Each structure stands twice: as C-alpha cells, then as structure tokens.
Amino acid sequence: MLVKRFQEARPYDAPNHRGVVGLRLQGFEAGGPTASWVGYSQFLPGGGAGPDASPLEKVYVVIEGEMTVIVGGREVVLGPMDSCTIAGGEEREIVNRSNHVCKMIVTMPYPPGVKP
C-alpha cells in the first residue's frame, strides 16, 4: 500500500492547459499505481484545456464548481460529483465558464513506454 498525503502532492504542467494548477495525487512513483495516475486540477474562472486530442483515455470527476466539456460540437456542463470519460483520440475542450474555481479529479493511463 502506498499512502500519499495531500501535502506531499507535487504540481505538474499539462500541455495546452491554461489557468490551472495540477497536483499529482498518485502515480509516477515507486509503489504507486501501475496502470494509471491520478491528478487534482484546480481551474480558475476562464481556465481550461484544448481543444486537442490525446491518444489516451481520460476520466474527469468534478468535485467542486462546474466545468463545460465540449466534444464534437456538443457542450455538457459537469457539476459536483458529475463525471465523464473522454475516449482516446477524441478531441475535447474544457472551459470553466463560471466565476468559481473548478476542482476536478483526472485519471489517465500512463503513456506508452512509461513505467512508474
């Protein structure tokens, strides 16, 4: 078992993201998860990511606030405890259109060839 306290989480920069602070909660360390990693993202008002696509599937879970997710011209607003899966290769954009910080959990598999 690997226990990692919130105060031990380290920031990371995600490509094509803006107005966000990401913290790695689990992953990329010895004894951690072997298939995927877990991040905690805090998006300021107006912050977001994309539009772009990743070859890797991702899962978003909104903890607090709201996030607009745009895929294929369709917009969905996720609120607290709402979640969505973005398939690998699917182009998405996410935007915090509210005046509150949006706090989300993000889970993704490791990139090919990356071993924790």
N, C-alpha and C. Protein backbone atom coordinates (compact mmCIF):
# COMPACT_ATOMS: atom_id res chain seq x y z
N MET A 1 0.85 -1.18 0.00
CA MET A 1 0.00 0.00 0.00
C MET A 1 0.90 1.24 0.00
N LEU A 2 0.55 2.19 -0.84
CA LEU A 2 1.24 3.47 -0.86
C LEU A 2 0.26 4.54 -0.42
N VAL A 3 0.52 5.16 0.70
CA VAL A 3 -0.28 6.29 1.17
C VAL A 3 0.47 7.56 0.80
N LYS A 4 -0.22 8.47 0.19
CA LYS A 4 0.38 9.75 -0.17
C LYS A 4 -0.54 10.83 0.36
N ARG A 5 -0.03 11.66 1.22
CA ARG A 5 -0.80 12.75 1.83
C ARG A 5 -0.92 13.91 0.85
N PHE A 6 -2.01 14.65 0.97
CA PHE A 6 -2.25 15.77 0.06
C PHE A 6 -1.08 16.75 0.09
N GLN A 7 -0.52 17.01 1.24
CA GLN A 7 0.59 17.96 1.33
C GLN A 7 1.84 17.46 0.60
N GLU A 8 1.89 16.17 0.25
CA GLU A 8 3.02 15.61 -0.49
C GLU A 8 2.82 15.69 -2.01
N ALA A 9 1.61 16.04 -2.45
CA ALA A 9 1.33 16.11 -3.89
C ALA A 9 2.17 17.22 -4.51
N ARG A 10 2.71 16.94 -5.68
CA ARG A 10 3.58 17.89 -6.37
C ARG A 10 2.87 18.43 -7.62
N PRO A 11 3.08 19.71 -7.92
CA PRO A 11 2.47 20.29 -9.13
C PRO A 11 3.07 19.69 -10.40
N TYR A 12 2.28 19.72 -11.45
CA TYR A 12 2.77 19.31 -12.77
C TYR A 12 2.12 20.23 -13.81
N ASP A 13 2.79 20.40 -14.93
CA ASP A 13 2.26 21.20 -16.04
C ASP A 13 1.70 20.26 -17.09
N ALA A 14 0.47 20.52 -17.49
CA ALA A 14 -0.16 19.72 -18.54
C ALA A 14 -0.14 20.53 -19.84
N PRO A 15 0.20 19.91 -20.96
CA PRO A 15 0.26 20.65 -22.22
C PRO A 15 -1.11 21.21 -22.61
N ASN A 16 -1.09 22.40 -23.21
CA ASN A 16 -2.29 23.06 -23.75
C ASN A 16 -3.35 23.31 -22.68
N HIS A 17 -2.95 23.53 -21.44
CA HIS A 17 -3.85 23.92 -20.35
C HIS A 17 -3.57 25.37 -19.99
N ARG A 18 -4.57 26.05 -19.48
CA ARG A 18 -4.43 27.45 -19.09
C ARG A 18 -5.24 27.71 -17.83
N GLY A 19 -4.73 28.59 -16.97
CA GLY A 19 -5.46 28.96 -15.77
C GLY A 19 -5.72 27.79 -14.85
N VAL A 20 -4.72 26.93 -14.68
CA VAL A 20 -4.91 25.71 -13.88
C VAL A 20 -3.66 25.41 -13.07
N VAL A 21 -3.88 24.85 -11.91
CA VAL A 21 -2.79 24.24 -11.14
C VAL A 21 -3.14 22.77 -11.00
N GLY A 22 -2.25 21.90 -11.48
CA GLY A 22 -2.46 20.46 -11.37
C GLY A 22 -1.52 19.88 -10.33
N LEU A 23 -2.05 19.01 -9.50
CA LEU A 23 -1.26 18.30 -8.50
C LEU A 23 -1.38 16.80 -8.76
N ARG A 24 -0.25 16.10 -8.75
CA ARG A 24 -0.27 14.66 -8.95
C ARG A 24 -0.53 14.00 -7.60
N LEU A 25 -1.68 13.33 -7.47
CA LEU A 25 -2.04 12.67 -6.21
C LEU A 25 -1.42 11.28 -6.11
N GLN A 26 -1.46 10.54 -7.20
CA GLN A 26 -0.90 9.19 -7.25
C GLN A 26 -0.34 8.95 -8.64
N GLY A 27 0.77 8.26 -8.69
CA GLY A 27 1.32 7.86 -9.97
C GLY A 27 2.72 8.38 -10.21
N PHE A 28 3.43 7.68 -11.09
CA PHE A 28 4.80 8.02 -11.47
C PHE A 28 5.76 7.91 -10.28
N GLU A 29 5.45 7.02 -9.31
CA GLU A 29 6.38 6.80 -8.21
C GLU A 29 6.42 5.32 -7.87
N ALA A 30 7.54 4.90 -7.30
CA ALA A 30 7.70 3.50 -6.89
C ALA A 30 6.62 3.14 -5.87
N GLY A 31 6.01 2.00 -6.07
CA GLY A 31 4.98 1.53 -5.15
C GLY A 31 3.60 2.08 -5.43
N GLY A 32 3.49 3.00 -6.40
CA GLY A 32 2.20 3.59 -6.75
C GLY A 32 1.45 2.75 -7.77
N PRO A 33 0.37 3.29 -8.32
CA PRO A 33 -0.41 2.54 -9.29
C PRO A 33 0.42 2.19 -10.53
N THR A 34 0.15 1.03 -11.10
CA THR A 34 0.94 0.56 -12.23
C THR A 34 0.26 0.78 -13.58
N ALA A 35 -1.03 1.07 -13.60
CA ALA A 35 -1.75 1.20 -14.87
C ALA A 35 -2.15 2.64 -15.19
N SER A 36 -2.33 3.47 -14.17
CA SER A 36 -2.82 4.83 -14.41
C SER A 36 -2.33 5.75 -13.30
N TRP A 37 -2.54 7.05 -13.50
CA TRP A 37 -2.19 8.03 -12.49
C TRP A 37 -3.39 8.92 -12.22
N VAL A 38 -3.37 9.61 -11.07
CA VAL A 38 -4.50 10.43 -10.64
C VAL A 38 -4.01 11.84 -10.35
N GLY A 39 -4.68 12.82 -10.95
CA GLY A 39 -4.35 14.22 -10.72
C GLY A 39 -5.52 14.97 -10.13
N TYR A 40 -5.20 16.09 -9.53
CA TYR A 40 -6.21 17.00 -8.96
C TYR A 40 -5.97 18.34 -9.62
N SER A 41 -6.94 18.82 -10.40
CA SER A 41 -6.79 20.06 -11.15
C SER A 41 -7.71 21.13 -10.57
N GLN A 42 -7.15 22.32 -10.42
CA GLN A 42 -7.91 23.47 -9.93
C GLN A 42 -7.89 24.54 -11.02
N PHE A 43 -9.04 24.70 -11.70
CA PHE A 43 -9.16 25.62 -12.82
C PHE A 43 -9.76 26.94 -12.35
N LEU A 44 -9.05 28.03 -12.60
CA LEU A 44 -9.57 29.36 -12.31
C LEU A 44 -10.71 29.69 -13.26
N PRO A 45 -11.54 30.70 -12.94
CA PRO A 45 -12.53 31.16 -13.91
C PRO A 45 -11.84 31.49 -15.24
N GLY A 46 -12.40 31.00 -16.33
CA GLY A 46 -11.83 31.20 -17.65
C GLY A 46 -10.75 30.20 -18.01
N GLY A 47 -10.30 29.40 -17.05
CA GLY A 47 -9.28 28.40 -17.31
C GLY A 47 -9.85 27.23 -18.09
N GLY A 48 -8.97 26.43 -18.65
CA GLY A 48 -9.43 25.28 -19.40
C GLY A 48 -8.29 24.54 -20.07
N ALA A 49 -8.65 23.73 -21.06
CA ALA A 49 -7.68 22.94 -21.80
C ALA A 49 -8.23 22.65 -23.19
N GLY A 50 -7.29 22.52 -24.15
CA GLY A 50 -7.68 22.20 -25.51
C GLY A 50 -8.10 23.44 -26.28
N PRO A 51 -8.70 23.22 -27.44
CA PRO A 51 -9.11 21.92 -27.97
C PRO A 51 -7.91 21.11 -28.47
N ASP A 52 -7.94 19.85 -28.11
CA ASP A 52 -6.95 18.90 -28.60
C ASP A 52 -7.41 17.50 -28.29
N ALA A 53 -6.64 16.54 -28.77
CA ALA A 53 -6.95 15.14 -28.53
C ALA A 53 -5.68 14.46 -28.03
N SER A 54 -5.87 13.46 -27.21
CA SER A 54 -4.77 12.65 -26.70
C SER A 54 -5.06 11.21 -27.10
N PRO A 55 -4.03 10.42 -27.35
CA PRO A 55 -4.29 9.02 -27.67
C PRO A 55 -4.79 8.24 -26.45
N LEU A 56 -4.72 8.86 -25.27
CA LEU A 56 -5.07 8.17 -24.03
C LEU A 56 -6.45 8.57 -23.53
N GLU A 57 -7.19 7.58 -23.07
CA GLU A 57 -8.48 7.82 -22.43
C GLU A 57 -8.27 8.61 -21.14
N LYS A 58 -9.23 9.46 -20.79
CA LYS A 58 -9.17 10.17 -19.52
C LYS A 58 -10.55 10.22 -18.89
N VAL A 59 -10.57 10.29 -17.56
CA VAL A 59 -11.81 10.41 -16.81
C VAL A 59 -11.72 11.67 -15.98
N TYR A 60 -12.77 12.50 -16.05
CA TYR A 60 -12.88 13.71 -15.24
C TYR A 60 -13.98 13.51 -14.21
N VAL A 61 -13.70 13.90 -12.98
CA VAL A 61 -14.72 13.92 -11.92
C VAL A 61 -14.67 15.31 -11.29
N VAL A 62 -15.76 16.06 -11.42
CA VAL A 62 -15.81 17.40 -10.81
C VAL A 62 -16.14 17.23 -9.33
N ILE A 63 -15.32 17.84 -8.50
CA ILE A 63 -15.51 17.79 -7.06
C ILE A 63 -16.25 19.03 -6.57
N GLU A 64 -15.87 20.18 -7.14
CA GLU A 64 -16.46 21.46 -6.72
C GLU A 64 -16.48 22.38 -7.93
N GLY A 65 -17.51 23.22 -8.03
CA GLY A 65 -17.63 24.14 -9.16
C GLY A 65 -18.27 23.45 -10.34
N GLU A 66 -17.98 23.99 -11.53
CA GLU A 66 -18.53 23.38 -12.75
C GLU A 66 -17.54 23.54 -13.89
N MET A 67 -17.63 22.61 -14.83
CA MET A 67 -16.75 22.60 -16.00
C MET A 67 -17.58 22.29 -17.23
N THR A 68 -17.40 23.10 -18.26
CA THR A 68 -18.04 22.84 -19.55
C THR A 68 -17.10 21.96 -20.37
N VAL A 69 -17.62 20.84 -20.84
CA VAL A 69 -16.86 19.90 -21.66
C VAL A 69 -17.47 19.94 -23.07
N ILE A 70 -16.62 20.16 -24.06
CA ILE A 70 -17.08 20.28 -25.45
C ILE A 70 -16.43 19.17 -26.27
N VAL A 71 -17.26 18.31 -26.85
CA VAL A 71 -16.80 17.20 -27.69
C VAL A 71 -17.71 17.13 -28.91
N GLY A 72 -17.13 17.18 -30.09
CA GLY A 72 -17.92 17.04 -31.32
C GLY A 72 -19.01 18.08 -31.45
N GLY A 73 -18.78 19.30 -30.96
CA GLY A 73 -19.77 20.36 -31.03
C GLY A 73 -20.84 20.31 -29.96
N ARG A 74 -20.81 19.27 -29.15
CA ARG A 74 -21.79 19.12 -28.06
C ARG A 74 -21.17 19.62 -26.76
N GLU A 75 -21.90 20.47 -26.04
CA GLU A 75 -21.44 21.00 -24.77
C GLU A 75 -22.25 20.42 -23.62
N VAL A 76 -21.52 20.02 -22.58
CA VAL A 76 -22.15 19.50 -21.38
C VAL A 76 -21.49 20.19 -20.20
N VAL A 77 -22.30 20.63 -19.23
CA VAL A 77 -21.76 21.24 -18.02
C VAL A 77 -21.77 20.19 -16.92
N LEU A 78 -20.60 19.91 -16.38
CA LEU A 78 -20.47 18.98 -15.26
C LEU A 78 -20.44 19.76 -13.96
N GLY A 79 -21.21 19.31 -12.98
CA GLY A 79 -21.22 19.90 -11.64
C GLY A 79 -20.65 18.92 -10.64
N PRO A 80 -20.74 19.27 -9.35
CA PRO A 80 -20.15 18.42 -8.31
C PRO A 80 -20.60 16.96 -8.40
N MET A 81 -19.61 16.08 -8.42
CA MET A 81 -19.74 14.63 -8.48
C MET A 81 -20.23 14.10 -9.82
N ASP A 82 -20.34 14.98 -10.83
CA ASP A 82 -20.58 14.53 -12.20
C ASP A 82 -19.24 14.09 -12.77
N SER A 83 -19.28 13.16 -13.72
CA SER A 83 -18.05 12.67 -14.33
C SER A 83 -18.28 12.38 -15.80
N CYS A 84 -17.17 12.30 -16.53
CA CYS A 84 -17.26 11.90 -17.94
C CYS A 84 -15.98 11.18 -18.34
N THR A 85 -16.09 10.36 -19.35
CA THR A 85 -14.94 9.68 -19.95
C THR A 85 -14.72 10.29 -21.32
N ILE A 86 -13.48 10.64 -21.61
CA ILE A 86 -13.08 11.10 -22.93
C ILE A 86 -12.25 9.97 -23.54
N ALA A 87 -12.73 9.45 -24.66
CA ALA A 87 -12.04 8.33 -25.31
C ALA A 87 -10.71 8.77 -25.88
N GLY A 88 -9.79 7.84 -25.97
CA GLY A 88 -8.52 8.11 -26.63
C GLY A 88 -8.76 8.57 -28.06
N GLY A 89 -8.10 9.64 -28.48
CA GLY A 89 -8.26 10.15 -29.83
C GLY A 89 -9.43 11.10 -30.01
N GLU A 90 -10.28 11.22 -29.00
CA GLU A 90 -11.44 12.11 -29.08
C GLU A 90 -11.03 13.54 -28.77
N GLU A 91 -11.31 14.48 -29.68
CA GLU A 91 -10.96 15.87 -29.43
C GLU A 91 -11.94 16.48 -28.44
N ARG A 92 -11.37 17.16 -27.45
CA ARG A 92 -12.21 17.79 -26.43
C ARG A 92 -11.62 19.15 -26.07
N GLU A 93 -12.51 19.99 -25.58
CA GLU A 93 -12.11 21.25 -24.95
C GLU A 93 -12.86 21.34 -23.65
N ILE A 94 -12.20 21.83 -22.61
CA ILE A 94 -12.87 22.08 -21.34
C ILE A 94 -12.64 23.53 -20.96
N VAL A 95 -13.71 24.18 -20.44
CA VAL A 95 -13.64 25.59 -20.08
C VAL A 95 -14.43 25.82 -18.80
N ASN A 96 -13.82 26.50 -17.85
CA ASN A 96 -14.53 26.92 -16.64
C ASN A 96 -15.16 28.27 -16.94
N ARG A 97 -16.45 28.27 -17.24
CA ARG A 97 -17.17 29.50 -17.59
C ARG A 97 -17.82 30.15 -16.37
N SER A 98 -17.59 29.60 -15.22
CA SER A 98 -18.18 30.18 -14.00
C SER A 98 -17.21 31.17 -13.36
N ASN A 99 -17.65 31.82 -12.31
CA ASN A 99 -16.79 32.73 -11.54
C ASN A 99 -16.19 32.06 -10.32
N HIS A 100 -16.26 30.73 -10.27
CA HIS A 100 -15.73 29.96 -9.13
C HIS A 100 -14.63 29.03 -9.62
N VAL A 101 -13.73 28.67 -8.74
CA VAL A 101 -12.70 27.68 -9.08
C VAL A 101 -13.38 26.33 -9.26
N CYS A 102 -13.00 25.62 -10.33
CA CYS A 102 -13.48 24.27 -10.55
C CYS A 102 -12.39 23.31 -10.11
N LYS A 103 -12.75 22.39 -9.22
CA LYS A 103 -11.80 21.39 -8.71
C LYS A 103 -12.21 20.03 -9.26
N MET A 104 -11.25 19.37 -9.93
CA MET A 104 -11.54 18.10 -10.60
C MET A 104 -10.48 17.06 -10.30
N ILE A 105 -10.90 15.82 -10.26
CA ILE A 105 -10.00 14.67 -10.27
C ILE A 105 -9.88 14.20 -11.71
N VAL A 106 -8.67 13.91 -12.15
CA VAL A 106 -8.40 13.43 -13.51
C VAL A 106 -7.63 12.13 -13.39
N THR A 107 -8.09 11.10 -14.09
CA THR A 107 -7.40 9.82 -14.11
C THR A 107 -7.07 9.46 -15.56
N MET A 108 -5.82 9.06 -15.78
CA MET A 108 -5.36 8.69 -17.12
C MET A 108 -4.39 7.51 -17.03
N PRO A 109 -4.36 6.66 -18.06
CA PRO A 109 -3.33 5.62 -18.09
C PRO A 109 -1.97 6.27 -18.35
N TYR A 110 -0.92 5.57 -18.03
CA TYR A 110 0.42 6.05 -18.35
C TYR A 110 0.61 6.05 -19.86
N PRO A 111 1.40 7.00 -20.39
CA PRO A 111 1.71 6.96 -21.82
C PRO A 111 2.46 5.68 -22.18
N PRO A 112 2.33 5.21 -23.42
CA PRO A 112 3.07 4.00 -23.83
C PRO A 112 4.55 4.16 -23.56
N GLY A 113 5.15 3.11 -23.04
CA GLY A 113 6.58 3.10 -22.77
C GLY A 113 6.98 3.72 -21.45
N VAL A 114 6.03 4.31 -20.73
CA VAL A 114 6.35 4.92 -19.43
C VAL A 114 6.07 3.92 -18.34
N LYS A 115 7.05 3.65 -17.53
CA LYS A 115 6.91 2.75 -16.39
C LYS A 115 7.07 3.57 -15.11
N PRO A 116 6.15 3.41 -14.16
CA PRO A 116 6.28 4.15 -12.90
C PRO A 116 7.49 3.68 -12.09
